[in-house]
Amino acid sequence: MMAINTNHLHNNEMDKCEVLVLLSGGVDSAACLHFYKELGRLPCALFVDYGQLAAEIEKKCAREIVSFYSVPIMISKWSGPTIKNSGLINGRNAFLLFAALMERPENINIISIGLHSGVDYPDCSQEFIKEIQSIIDIYDKAKVDISAPFINFTKYEIYSYCRKNNIPIELTYSCEEGKLPPCRKCLSCIDRELLNVSC
């Protein structure tokens, strides 16, 4: 059984936004939020609880990040019958992008996602973005562009970007197991440990 419960935050600030950033509470999506704010393209955020193990902690971090940047956030919750384990979750990035397409305010014409290079996941590539864009273009009235500003960055380059721009890495969380303290075994924890970043 599937249930969808979306908590919208519609106000004057949301109506002024130009970019909807899929905000996971992690480093990559926090970098996206900063990127658009620096460009002068006012962003808002969407956090999606799709049953991931770290959902509650990620949501808390997402709220802290938008508070830091003073941008509005929407929270969406989707529940399905299966447990979403760590690692590759088939369809996750496509699902997140289409959830953002459905929930975006009409004034927003860019949906941003924090994908990067250097991973083997099939939905973390320029080809994936191109294919998703071609499907979204079917909805010609939407006129929405999918943006992945760090698609050519490695994880190290994203962390370097964050440090250079004083992005609050300390507010982010990346353990796929959803543990406190972090598991230190999942790929996200290993990335942070290799780059000397605490969760």
N, C-alpha and C. Protein backbone atom coordinates (compact mmCIF):
# COMPACT_ATOMS: atom_id res chain seq x y z
N MET A 1 0.84 -1.19 0.00
CA MET A 1 0.00 0.00 0.00
C MET A 1 0.88 1.25 0.00
N MET A 2 0.46 2.23 -0.74
CA MET A 2 1.23 3.46 -0.87
C MET A 2 0.45 4.62 -0.28
N ALA A 3 1.14 5.45 0.47
CA ALA A 3 0.51 6.65 1.01
C ALA A 3 1.39 7.84 0.73
N ILE A 4 0.80 8.94 0.33
CA ILE A 4 1.56 10.16 0.06
C ILE A 4 0.99 11.28 0.92
N ASN A 5 1.87 11.91 1.65
CA ASN A 5 1.45 13.01 2.52
C ASN A 5 2.46 14.13 2.35
N THR A 6 2.06 15.20 1.75
CA THR A 6 2.98 16.31 1.49
C THR A 6 2.59 17.52 2.31
N ASN A 7 3.57 18.06 3.03
CA ASN A 7 3.37 19.25 3.84
C ASN A 7 3.92 20.45 3.08
N HIS A 8 3.06 21.25 2.49
CA HIS A 8 3.50 22.40 1.70
C HIS A 8 3.72 23.62 2.58
N LEU A 9 4.70 24.39 2.21
CA LEU A 9 4.89 25.70 2.82
C LEU A 9 4.73 26.73 1.71
N HIS A 10 3.50 27.19 1.50
CA HIS A 10 3.24 28.20 0.49
C HIS A 10 3.11 29.55 1.15
N ASN A 11 3.98 30.45 0.82
CA ASN A 11 3.91 31.80 1.34
C ASN A 11 4.56 32.74 0.32
N ASN A 12 4.66 34.01 0.66
CA ASN A 12 5.22 34.97 -0.28
C ASN A 12 6.65 34.62 -0.66
N GLU A 13 7.40 34.08 0.29
CA GLU A 13 8.80 33.72 0.02
C GLU A 13 8.88 32.58 -1.00
N MET A 14 8.01 31.58 -0.84
CA MET A 14 7.99 30.46 -1.78
C MET A 14 7.62 30.93 -3.19
N ASP A 15 6.70 31.87 -3.26
CA ASP A 15 6.24 32.36 -4.56
C ASP A 15 7.32 33.12 -5.32
N LYS A 16 8.34 33.58 -4.62
CA LYS A 16 9.43 34.31 -5.26
C LYS A 16 10.55 33.39 -5.74
N CYS A 17 10.51 32.12 -5.35
CA CYS A 17 11.60 31.19 -5.66
C CYS A 17 11.65 30.85 -7.14
N GLU A 18 12.87 30.63 -7.62
CA GLU A 18 13.09 30.27 -9.02
C GLU A 18 13.58 28.84 -9.20
N VAL A 19 14.17 28.29 -8.15
CA VAL A 19 14.80 26.97 -8.23
C VAL A 19 14.33 26.11 -7.07
N LEU A 20 13.95 24.86 -7.37
CA LEU A 20 13.61 23.91 -6.32
C LEU A 20 14.75 22.92 -6.19
N VAL A 21 15.41 22.93 -5.03
CA VAL A 21 16.55 22.06 -4.78
C VAL A 21 16.08 20.85 -3.98
N LEU A 22 16.38 19.67 -4.49
CA LEU A 22 16.12 18.44 -3.73
C LEU A 22 17.16 18.37 -2.64
N LEU A 23 16.72 18.58 -1.41
CA LEU A 23 17.64 18.70 -0.28
C LEU A 23 17.55 17.46 0.60
N SER A 24 18.64 16.71 0.64
CA SER A 24 18.65 15.46 1.41
C SER A 24 19.15 15.65 2.83
N GLY A 25 19.73 16.81 3.11
CA GLY A 25 20.39 17.01 4.38
C GLY A 25 21.86 16.69 4.31
N GLY A 26 22.33 16.29 3.11
CA GLY A 26 23.74 15.96 2.91
C GLY A 26 24.53 17.09 2.28
N VAL A 27 25.81 16.81 2.04
CA VAL A 27 26.74 17.82 1.55
C VAL A 27 26.40 18.27 0.13
N ASP A 28 26.13 17.32 -0.76
CA ASP A 28 25.95 17.65 -2.18
C ASP A 28 24.75 18.57 -2.39
N SER A 29 23.64 18.27 -1.74
CA SER A 29 22.45 19.10 -1.93
C SER A 29 22.58 20.44 -1.22
N ALA A 30 23.30 20.48 -0.09
CA ALA A 30 23.58 21.76 0.57
C ALA A 30 24.41 22.64 -0.35
N ALA A 31 25.36 22.03 -1.07
CA ALA A 31 26.17 22.78 -2.02
C ALA A 31 25.30 23.35 -3.14
N CYS A 32 24.30 22.59 -3.59
CA CYS A 32 23.38 23.07 -4.62
C CYS A 32 22.61 24.30 -4.14
N LEU A 33 22.14 24.23 -2.90
CA LEU A 33 21.39 25.35 -2.33
C LEU A 33 22.25 26.62 -2.33
N HIS A 34 23.50 26.47 -1.88
CA HIS A 34 24.43 27.59 -1.85
C HIS A 34 24.70 28.11 -3.27
N PHE A 35 24.91 27.19 -4.19
CA PHE A 35 25.23 27.54 -5.59
C PHE A 35 24.20 28.48 -6.17
N TYR A 36 22.92 28.15 -6.01
CA TYR A 36 21.88 28.99 -6.60
C TYR A 36 21.69 30.28 -5.83
N LYS A 37 21.88 30.24 -4.53
CA LYS A 37 21.75 31.48 -3.77
C LYS A 37 22.84 32.46 -4.19
N GLU A 38 24.05 31.94 -4.43
CA GLU A 38 25.15 32.79 -4.87
C GLU A 38 24.91 33.34 -6.28
N LEU A 39 24.21 32.58 -7.10
CA LEU A 39 23.89 33.04 -8.45
C LEU A 39 22.82 34.13 -8.45
N GLY A 40 22.17 34.30 -7.31
CA GLY A 40 21.07 35.25 -7.25
C GLY A 40 19.77 34.67 -7.74
N ARG A 41 19.72 33.34 -7.88
CA ARG A 41 18.49 32.64 -8.27
C ARG A 41 17.88 32.07 -6.99
N LEU A 42 16.90 32.74 -6.42
CA LEU A 42 16.38 32.37 -5.10
C LEU A 42 15.89 30.93 -5.09
N PRO A 43 16.50 30.08 -4.24
CA PRO A 43 16.06 28.69 -4.18
C PRO A 43 15.07 28.44 -3.06
N CYS A 44 14.31 27.38 -3.21
CA CYS A 44 13.59 26.78 -2.10
C CYS A 44 13.95 25.30 -2.11
N ALA A 45 13.55 24.56 -1.11
CA ALA A 45 14.00 23.18 -0.97
C ALA A 45 12.83 22.22 -0.84
N LEU A 46 13.08 20.99 -1.27
CA LEU A 46 12.13 19.90 -1.06
C LEU A 46 12.87 18.74 -0.44
N PHE A 47 12.41 18.31 0.74
CA PHE A 47 12.95 17.10 1.36
C PHE A 47 11.93 15.99 1.18
N VAL A 48 12.38 14.85 0.70
CA VAL A 48 11.48 13.71 0.46
C VAL A 48 11.87 12.56 1.38
N ASP A 49 10.93 12.17 2.23
CA ASP A 49 11.06 10.97 3.05
C ASP A 49 10.43 9.84 2.24
N TYR A 50 11.28 8.98 1.67
CA TYR A 50 10.78 7.88 0.84
C TYR A 50 10.95 6.53 1.54
N GLY A 51 11.18 6.59 2.85
CA GLY A 51 11.37 5.37 3.63
C GLY A 51 12.82 5.00 3.83
N GLN A 52 13.75 5.94 3.54
CA GLN A 52 15.16 5.67 3.74
C GLN A 52 15.47 5.53 5.23
N LEU A 53 16.50 4.76 5.54
CA LEU A 53 16.84 4.47 6.93
C LEU A 53 17.16 5.74 7.72
N ALA A 54 17.73 6.73 7.05
CA ALA A 54 18.18 7.95 7.73
C ALA A 54 17.17 9.09 7.64
N ALA A 55 15.92 8.79 7.30
CA ALA A 55 14.95 9.85 6.99
C ALA A 55 14.81 10.89 8.09
N GLU A 56 14.65 10.47 9.32
CA GLU A 56 14.40 11.44 10.40
C GLU A 56 15.60 12.33 10.65
N ILE A 57 16.79 11.76 10.64
CA ILE A 57 17.99 12.57 10.87
C ILE A 57 18.24 13.50 9.68
N GLU A 58 18.05 12.96 8.47
CA GLU A 58 18.22 13.79 7.28
C GLU A 58 17.25 14.96 7.27
N LYS A 59 16.01 14.71 7.66
CA LYS A 59 15.01 15.78 7.68
C LYS A 59 15.41 16.86 8.68
N LYS A 60 15.89 16.46 9.83
CA LYS A 60 16.35 17.43 10.84
C LYS A 60 17.49 18.28 10.26
N CYS A 61 18.43 17.64 9.60
CA CYS A 61 19.56 18.38 9.02
C CYS A 61 19.09 19.30 7.90
N ALA A 62 18.15 18.82 7.08
CA ALA A 62 17.63 19.66 6.00
C ALA A 62 17.01 20.93 6.57
N ARG A 63 16.26 20.79 7.65
CA ARG A 63 15.65 21.97 8.29
C ARG A 63 16.72 22.92 8.82
N GLU A 64 17.80 22.39 9.36
CA GLU A 64 18.88 23.25 9.86
C GLU A 64 19.59 23.98 8.72
N ILE A 65 19.74 23.30 7.60
CA ILE A 65 20.41 23.91 6.45
C ILE A 65 19.58 25.05 5.87
N VAL A 66 18.27 24.82 5.71
CA VAL A 66 17.43 25.91 5.15
C VAL A 66 17.33 27.07 6.13
N SER A 67 17.40 26.76 7.42
CA SER A 67 17.40 27.84 8.41
C SER A 67 18.67 28.69 8.27
N PHE A 68 19.79 28.03 8.05
CA PHE A 68 21.07 28.72 7.87
C PHE A 68 21.00 29.65 6.65
N TYR A 69 20.38 29.16 5.57
CA TYR A 69 20.32 29.94 4.33
C TYR A 69 19.06 30.79 4.20
N SER A 70 18.17 30.68 5.16
CA SER A 70 16.92 31.47 5.16
C SER A 70 16.12 31.25 3.88
N VAL A 71 15.90 29.98 3.55
CA VAL A 71 15.06 29.64 2.40
C VAL A 71 13.94 28.72 2.86
N PRO A 72 12.80 28.75 2.17
CA PRO A 72 11.68 27.90 2.56
C PRO A 72 11.88 26.45 2.14
N ILE A 73 11.17 25.56 2.82
CA ILE A 73 11.28 24.13 2.52
C ILE A 73 9.90 23.49 2.50
N MET A 74 9.74 22.49 1.64
CA MET A 74 8.57 21.63 1.63
C MET A 74 9.03 20.24 2.06
N ILE A 75 8.20 19.56 2.82
CA ILE A 75 8.49 18.21 3.28
C ILE A 75 7.47 17.26 2.67
N SER A 76 7.96 16.22 2.01
CA SER A 76 7.08 15.23 1.40
C SER A 76 7.39 13.85 1.97
N LYS A 77 6.35 13.08 2.25
CA LYS A 77 6.54 11.73 2.78
C LYS A 77 5.83 10.72 1.90
N TRP A 78 6.55 9.70 1.51
CA TRP A 78 5.99 8.61 0.71
C TRP A 78 6.33 7.30 1.40
N SER A 79 5.36 6.43 1.54
CA SER A 79 5.64 5.15 2.18
C SER A 79 5.19 4.01 1.29
N GLY A 80 6.06 3.04 1.16
CA GLY A 80 5.77 1.85 0.37
C GLY A 80 5.99 0.60 1.20
N PRO A 81 5.76 -0.58 0.65
CA PRO A 81 5.80 -1.82 1.43
C PRO A 81 7.20 -2.39 1.67
N THR A 82 8.23 -1.85 1.00
CA THR A 82 9.56 -2.44 1.13
C THR A 82 10.48 -1.57 1.98
N ILE A 83 11.47 -2.21 2.58
CA ILE A 83 12.50 -1.50 3.35
C ILE A 83 13.55 -0.98 2.38
N LYS A 84 13.91 0.28 2.51
CA LYS A 84 14.92 0.90 1.65
C LYS A 84 16.27 0.81 2.34
N ASN A 85 17.10 -0.12 1.90
CA ASN A 85 18.41 -0.32 2.52
C ASN A 85 19.42 0.69 1.99
N SER A 86 20.63 0.66 2.54
CA SER A 86 21.69 1.57 2.09
C SER A 86 22.22 1.11 0.73
N GLY A 87 23.01 1.96 0.10
CA GLY A 87 23.55 1.65 -1.22
C GLY A 87 22.59 2.06 -2.32
N LEU A 88 22.74 1.45 -3.49
CA LEU A 88 21.91 1.79 -4.64
C LEU A 88 20.46 1.39 -4.38
N ILE A 89 19.56 2.35 -4.56
CA ILE A 89 18.12 2.09 -4.50
C ILE A 89 17.57 2.36 -5.89
N ASN A 90 17.20 1.31 -6.58
CA ASN A 90 16.76 1.45 -7.97
C ASN A 90 15.59 2.43 -8.08
N GLY A 91 15.75 3.40 -8.97
CA GLY A 91 14.68 4.36 -9.22
C GLY A 91 14.67 5.56 -8.31
N ARG A 92 15.56 5.61 -7.32
CA ARG A 92 15.49 6.68 -6.32
C ARG A 92 15.61 8.08 -6.92
N ASN A 93 16.65 8.33 -7.70
CA ASN A 93 16.84 9.69 -8.21
C ASN A 93 15.76 10.08 -9.20
N ALA A 94 15.29 9.12 -10.00
CA ALA A 94 14.18 9.41 -10.91
C ALA A 94 12.93 9.74 -10.11
N PHE A 95 12.67 8.95 -9.07
CA PHE A 95 11.50 9.20 -8.21
C PHE A 95 11.57 10.59 -7.58
N LEU A 96 12.73 10.95 -7.06
CA LEU A 96 12.88 12.25 -6.41
C LEU A 96 12.63 13.39 -7.40
N LEU A 97 13.14 13.26 -8.60
CA LEU A 97 12.95 14.31 -9.59
C LEU A 97 11.49 14.44 -10.01
N PHE A 98 10.80 13.33 -10.17
CA PHE A 98 9.40 13.40 -10.55
C PHE A 98 8.53 13.86 -9.38
N ALA A 99 8.93 13.53 -8.16
CA ALA A 99 8.22 14.07 -7.00
C ALA A 99 8.36 15.59 -6.97
N ALA A 100 9.56 16.08 -7.27
CA ALA A 100 9.78 17.53 -7.31
C ALA A 100 8.96 18.17 -8.43
N LEU A 101 8.86 17.51 -9.57
CA LEU A 101 8.07 18.03 -10.68
C LEU A 101 6.60 18.19 -10.27
N MET A 102 6.08 17.19 -9.55
CA MET A 102 4.68 17.23 -9.13
C MET A 102 4.43 18.28 -8.06
N GLU A 103 5.38 18.49 -7.16
CA GLU A 103 5.15 19.33 -6.00
C GLU A 103 5.63 20.77 -6.17
N ARG A 104 6.35 21.06 -7.24
CA ARG A 104 6.93 22.40 -7.39
C ARG A 104 5.85 23.47 -7.53
N PRO A 105 6.07 24.64 -6.95
CA PRO A 105 5.20 25.77 -7.23
C PRO A 105 5.30 26.15 -8.71
N GLU A 106 4.25 26.69 -9.28
CA GLU A 106 4.20 26.97 -10.71
C GLU A 106 5.26 27.97 -11.16
N ASN A 107 5.72 28.83 -10.26
CA ASN A 107 6.70 29.85 -10.64
C ASN A 107 8.11 29.27 -10.81
N ILE A 108 8.33 28.04 -10.43
CA ILE A 108 9.67 27.46 -10.47
C ILE A 108 9.88 26.73 -11.79
N ASN A 109 11.01 27.04 -12.46
CA ASN A 109 11.30 26.38 -13.73
C ASN A 109 12.61 25.62 -13.74
N ILE A 110 13.25 25.49 -12.58
CA ILE A 110 14.47 24.69 -12.46
C ILE A 110 14.33 23.76 -11.25
N ILE A 111 14.62 22.49 -11.46
CA ILE A 111 14.71 21.52 -10.37
C ILE A 111 16.16 21.07 -10.31
N SER A 112 16.76 21.18 -9.14
CA SER A 112 18.18 20.88 -8.99
C SER A 112 18.40 19.66 -8.09
N ILE A 113 19.37 18.85 -8.47
CA ILE A 113 19.71 17.65 -7.71
C ILE A 113 21.23 17.56 -7.58
N GLY A 114 21.71 17.11 -6.44
CA GLY A 114 23.14 17.11 -6.15
C GLY A 114 23.88 15.88 -6.60
N LEU A 115 23.79 15.54 -7.88
CA LEU A 115 24.54 14.39 -8.40
C LEU A 115 25.98 14.80 -8.68
N HIS A 116 26.88 13.82 -8.61
CA HIS A 116 28.29 14.10 -8.89
C HIS A 116 28.93 12.91 -9.57
N SER A 117 30.12 13.10 -10.11
CA SER A 117 30.83 12.04 -10.81
C SER A 117 31.59 11.16 -9.82
N GLY A 118 32.21 10.12 -10.35
CA GLY A 118 33.07 9.27 -9.53
C GLY A 118 32.36 8.13 -8.83
N VAL A 119 31.10 7.88 -9.18
CA VAL A 119 30.38 6.73 -8.61
C VAL A 119 29.85 5.86 -9.75
N ASP A 120 29.56 4.61 -9.43
CA ASP A 120 29.11 3.67 -10.46
C ASP A 120 27.60 3.61 -10.60
N TYR A 121 26.88 4.39 -9.80
CA TYR A 121 25.42 4.33 -9.87
C TYR A 121 24.94 4.82 -11.24
N PRO A 122 24.02 4.08 -11.88
CA PRO A 122 23.56 4.47 -13.22
C PRO A 122 22.76 5.76 -13.26
N ASP A 123 22.23 6.19 -12.10
CA ASP A 123 21.44 7.43 -12.07
C ASP A 123 22.24 8.61 -11.53
N CYS A 124 23.56 8.53 -11.70
CA CYS A 124 24.44 9.65 -11.32
C CYS A 124 25.32 9.99 -12.52
N SER A 125 24.70 10.39 -13.61
CA SER A 125 25.45 10.65 -14.84
C SER A 125 24.73 11.70 -15.68
N GLN A 126 25.48 12.29 -16.59
CA GLN A 126 24.89 13.25 -17.52
C GLN A 126 23.85 12.57 -18.40
N GLU A 127 24.09 11.31 -18.76
CA GLU A 127 23.13 10.58 -19.60
C GLU A 127 21.80 10.40 -18.88
N PHE A 128 21.86 10.13 -17.58
CA PHE A 128 20.64 9.99 -16.80
C PHE A 128 19.85 11.30 -16.80
N ILE A 129 20.54 12.42 -16.56
CA ILE A 129 19.88 13.73 -16.56
C ILE A 129 19.25 14.00 -17.92
N LYS A 130 19.98 13.68 -18.99
CA LYS A 130 19.46 13.90 -20.35
C LYS A 130 18.19 13.08 -20.58
N GLU A 131 18.18 11.83 -20.14
CA GLU A 131 17.01 10.97 -20.35
C GLU A 131 15.81 11.46 -19.54
N ILE A 132 16.05 11.84 -18.28
CA ILE A 132 14.96 12.36 -17.44
C ILE A 132 14.40 13.65 -18.04
N GLN A 133 15.31 14.50 -18.52
CA GLN A 133 14.86 15.76 -19.13
C GLN A 133 13.97 15.50 -20.34
N SER A 134 14.31 14.49 -21.13
CA SER A 134 13.51 14.19 -22.32
C SER A 134 12.10 13.74 -21.95
N ILE A 135 11.96 13.05 -20.81
CA ILE A 135 10.63 12.64 -20.35
C ILE A 135 9.87 13.86 -19.83
N ILE A 136 10.53 14.69 -19.06
CA ILE A 136 9.87 15.88 -18.51
C ILE A 136 9.43 16.82 -19.63
N ASP A 137 10.21 16.84 -20.71
CA ASP A 137 9.85 17.70 -21.84
C ASP A 137 8.54 17.28 -22.50
N ILE A 138 8.10 16.05 -22.24
CA ILE A 138 6.80 15.61 -22.75
C ILE A 138 5.70 16.49 -22.18
N TYR A 139 5.90 16.89 -20.91
CA TYR A 139 4.95 17.78 -20.26
C TYR A 139 5.30 19.22 -20.66
N ASP A 140 5.03 19.58 -21.90
CA ASP A 140 5.55 20.83 -22.45
C ASP A 140 5.05 22.06 -21.69
N LYS A 141 3.92 21.95 -21.01
CA LYS A 141 3.43 23.10 -20.25
C LYS A 141 4.27 23.34 -18.99
N ALA A 142 4.96 22.32 -18.55
CA ALA A 142 5.77 22.45 -17.33
C ALA A 142 6.95 23.39 -17.57
N LYS A 143 7.63 23.23 -18.72
CA LYS A 143 8.80 24.04 -19.05
C LYS A 143 9.79 24.08 -17.88
N VAL A 144 10.19 22.90 -17.46
CA VAL A 144 11.09 22.75 -16.33
C VAL A 144 12.40 22.15 -16.80
N ASP A 145 13.52 22.74 -16.34
CA ASP A 145 14.84 22.20 -16.64
C ASP A 145 15.39 21.49 -15.41
N ILE A 146 15.99 20.32 -15.64
CA ILE A 146 16.67 19.59 -14.57
C ILE A 146 18.13 20.04 -14.56
N SER A 147 18.60 20.40 -13.39
CA SER A 147 19.96 20.91 -13.25
C SER A 147 20.73 20.10 -12.22
N ALA A 148 21.95 19.71 -12.60
CA ALA A 148 22.86 19.03 -11.67
C ALA A 148 24.19 19.77 -11.76
N PRO A 149 24.32 20.88 -11.03
CA PRO A 149 25.49 21.75 -11.23
C PRO A 149 26.83 21.11 -10.88
N PHE A 150 26.81 20.00 -10.14
CA PHE A 150 28.07 19.37 -9.74
C PHE A 150 28.26 18.00 -10.40
N ILE A 151 27.59 17.77 -11.53
CA ILE A 151 27.63 16.46 -12.16
C ILE A 151 29.04 16.09 -12.62
N ASN A 152 29.89 17.08 -12.89
CA ASN A 152 31.26 16.79 -13.32
C ASN A 152 32.27 16.89 -12.17
N PHE A 153 31.78 17.15 -10.96
CA PHE A 153 32.66 17.25 -9.79
C PHE A 153 32.82 15.87 -9.15
N THR A 154 34.01 15.60 -8.63
CA THR A 154 34.18 14.44 -7.76
C THR A 154 33.73 14.83 -6.36
N LYS A 155 33.60 13.85 -5.49
CA LYS A 155 33.21 14.16 -4.10
C LYS A 155 34.25 15.09 -3.46
N TYR A 156 35.51 14.85 -3.73
CA TYR A 156 36.55 15.71 -3.18
C TYR A 156 36.38 17.15 -3.64
N GLU A 157 36.04 17.34 -4.92
CA GLU A 157 35.86 18.69 -5.45
C GLU A 157 34.64 19.38 -4.83
N ILE A 158 33.60 18.61 -4.53
CA ILE A 158 32.44 19.20 -3.86
C ILE A 158 32.82 19.65 -2.45
N TYR A 159 33.54 18.80 -1.72
CA TYR A 159 33.97 19.21 -0.38
C TYR A 159 34.87 20.43 -0.44
N SER A 160 35.74 20.49 -1.45
CA SER A 160 36.61 21.67 -1.61
C SER A 160 35.77 22.91 -1.87
N TYR A 161 34.75 22.77 -2.72
CA TYR A 161 33.83 23.88 -3.00
C TYR A 161 33.15 24.34 -1.71
N CYS A 162 32.73 23.37 -0.90
CA CYS A 162 32.05 23.71 0.36
C CYS A 162 32.97 24.46 1.31
N ARG A 163 34.19 23.99 1.41
CA ARG A 163 35.13 24.65 2.33
C ARG A 163 35.47 26.06 1.84
N LYS A 164 35.66 26.20 0.54
CA LYS A 164 36.00 27.50 -0.03
C LYS A 164 34.87 28.50 0.17
N ASN A 165 33.63 28.03 0.16
CA ASN A 165 32.47 28.91 0.25
C ASN A 165 31.79 28.91 1.62
N ASN A 166 32.48 28.33 2.60
CA ASN A 166 31.96 28.32 3.99
C ASN A 166 30.56 27.72 4.09
N ILE A 167 30.32 26.68 3.31
CA ILE A 167 29.06 25.95 3.40
C ILE A 167 29.08 25.13 4.69
N PRO A 168 28.01 25.16 5.48
CA PRO A 168 28.04 24.53 6.82
C PRO A 168 27.97 23.00 6.78
N ILE A 169 29.12 22.40 6.45
CA ILE A 169 29.20 20.94 6.38
C ILE A 169 28.81 20.31 7.71
N GLU A 170 29.07 21.02 8.79
CA GLU A 170 28.77 20.48 10.13
C GLU A 170 27.28 20.28 10.36
N LEU A 171 26.44 20.91 9.55
CA LEU A 171 24.99 20.74 9.68
C LEU A 171 24.48 19.55 8.86
N THR A 172 25.34 18.98 8.02
CA THR A 172 24.90 17.91 7.13
C THR A 172 25.09 16.54 7.76
N TYR A 173 24.42 15.56 7.16
CA TYR A 173 24.49 14.18 7.64
C TYR A 173 24.46 13.26 6.43
N SER A 174 25.28 12.19 6.46
CA SER A 174 25.38 11.36 5.26
C SER A 174 25.40 9.85 5.52
N CYS A 175 25.18 9.39 6.72
CA CYS A 175 25.22 7.95 6.98
C CYS A 175 23.97 7.29 6.41
N GLU A 176 24.16 6.37 5.47
CA GLU A 176 23.04 5.71 4.81
C GLU A 176 22.29 4.76 5.75
N GLU A 177 22.95 4.36 6.82
CA GLU A 177 22.31 3.46 7.79
C GLU A 177 21.43 4.22 8.78
N GLY A 178 21.56 5.55 8.79
CA GLY A 178 20.76 6.35 9.70
C GLY A 178 21.16 6.21 11.15
N LYS A 179 22.43 5.96 11.40
CA LYS A 179 22.88 5.69 12.77
C LYS A 179 23.56 6.91 13.39
N LEU A 180 23.45 6.99 14.71
CA LEU A 180 24.17 7.96 15.52
C LEU A 180 24.83 7.21 16.67
N PRO A 181 26.16 7.20 16.75
CA PRO A 181 27.08 7.80 15.78
C PRO A 181 27.00 7.07 14.43
N PRO A 182 27.48 7.72 13.37
CA PRO A 182 27.42 7.11 12.04
C PRO A 182 28.11 5.75 11.98
N CYS A 183 27.68 4.91 11.05
CA CYS A 183 28.17 3.53 10.98
C CYS A 183 29.63 3.43 10.59
N ARG A 184 30.14 4.40 9.82
CA ARG A 184 31.51 4.45 9.33
C ARG A 184 31.82 3.33 8.33
N LYS A 185 30.78 2.64 7.85
CA LYS A 185 30.97 1.53 6.92
C LYS A 185 30.32 1.77 5.56
N CYS A 186 29.23 2.55 5.51
CA CYS A 186 28.55 2.80 4.24
C CYS A 186 29.41 3.71 3.37
N LEU A 187 29.11 3.77 2.07
CA LEU A 187 29.91 4.57 1.15
C LEU A 187 29.95 6.04 1.53
N SER A 188 28.83 6.56 2.02
CA SER A 188 28.78 7.98 2.40
C SER A 188 29.67 8.26 3.60
N CYS A 189 29.66 7.36 4.58
CA CYS A 189 30.53 7.53 5.75
C CYS A 189 32.00 7.41 5.35
N ILE A 190 32.30 6.47 4.47
CA ILE A 190 33.68 6.28 4.03
C ILE A 190 34.18 7.53 3.31
N ASP A 191 33.31 8.11 2.46
CA ASP A 191 33.68 9.36 1.78
C ASP A 191 34.05 10.44 2.78
N ARG A 192 33.20 10.61 3.79
CA ARG A 192 33.44 11.68 4.77
C ARG A 192 34.71 11.41 5.56
N GLU A 193 34.97 10.13 5.88
CA GLU A 193 36.16 9.80 6.66
C GLU A 193 37.43 10.03 5.83
N LEU A 194 37.39 9.64 4.57
CA LEU A 194 38.55 9.83 3.69
C LEU A 194 38.88 11.31 3.51
N LEU A 195 37.83 12.14 3.53
CA LEU A 195 38.03 13.58 3.34
C LEU A 195 38.11 14.33 4.66
N ASN A 196 38.15 13.56 5.74
CA ASN A 196 38.30 14.14 7.09
C ASN A 196 37.16 15.10 7.42
N VAL A 197 35.92 14.63 7.16
CA VAL A 197 34.73 15.40 7.47
C VAL A 197 33.89 14.59 8.45
N SER A 198 33.58 15.16 9.60
CA SER A 198 32.76 14.45 10.58
C SER A 198 31.29 14.53 10.18
N CYS A 199 30.50 13.50 10.56
CA CYS A 199 29.08 13.50 10.24
C CYS A 199 28.34 14.41 11.19
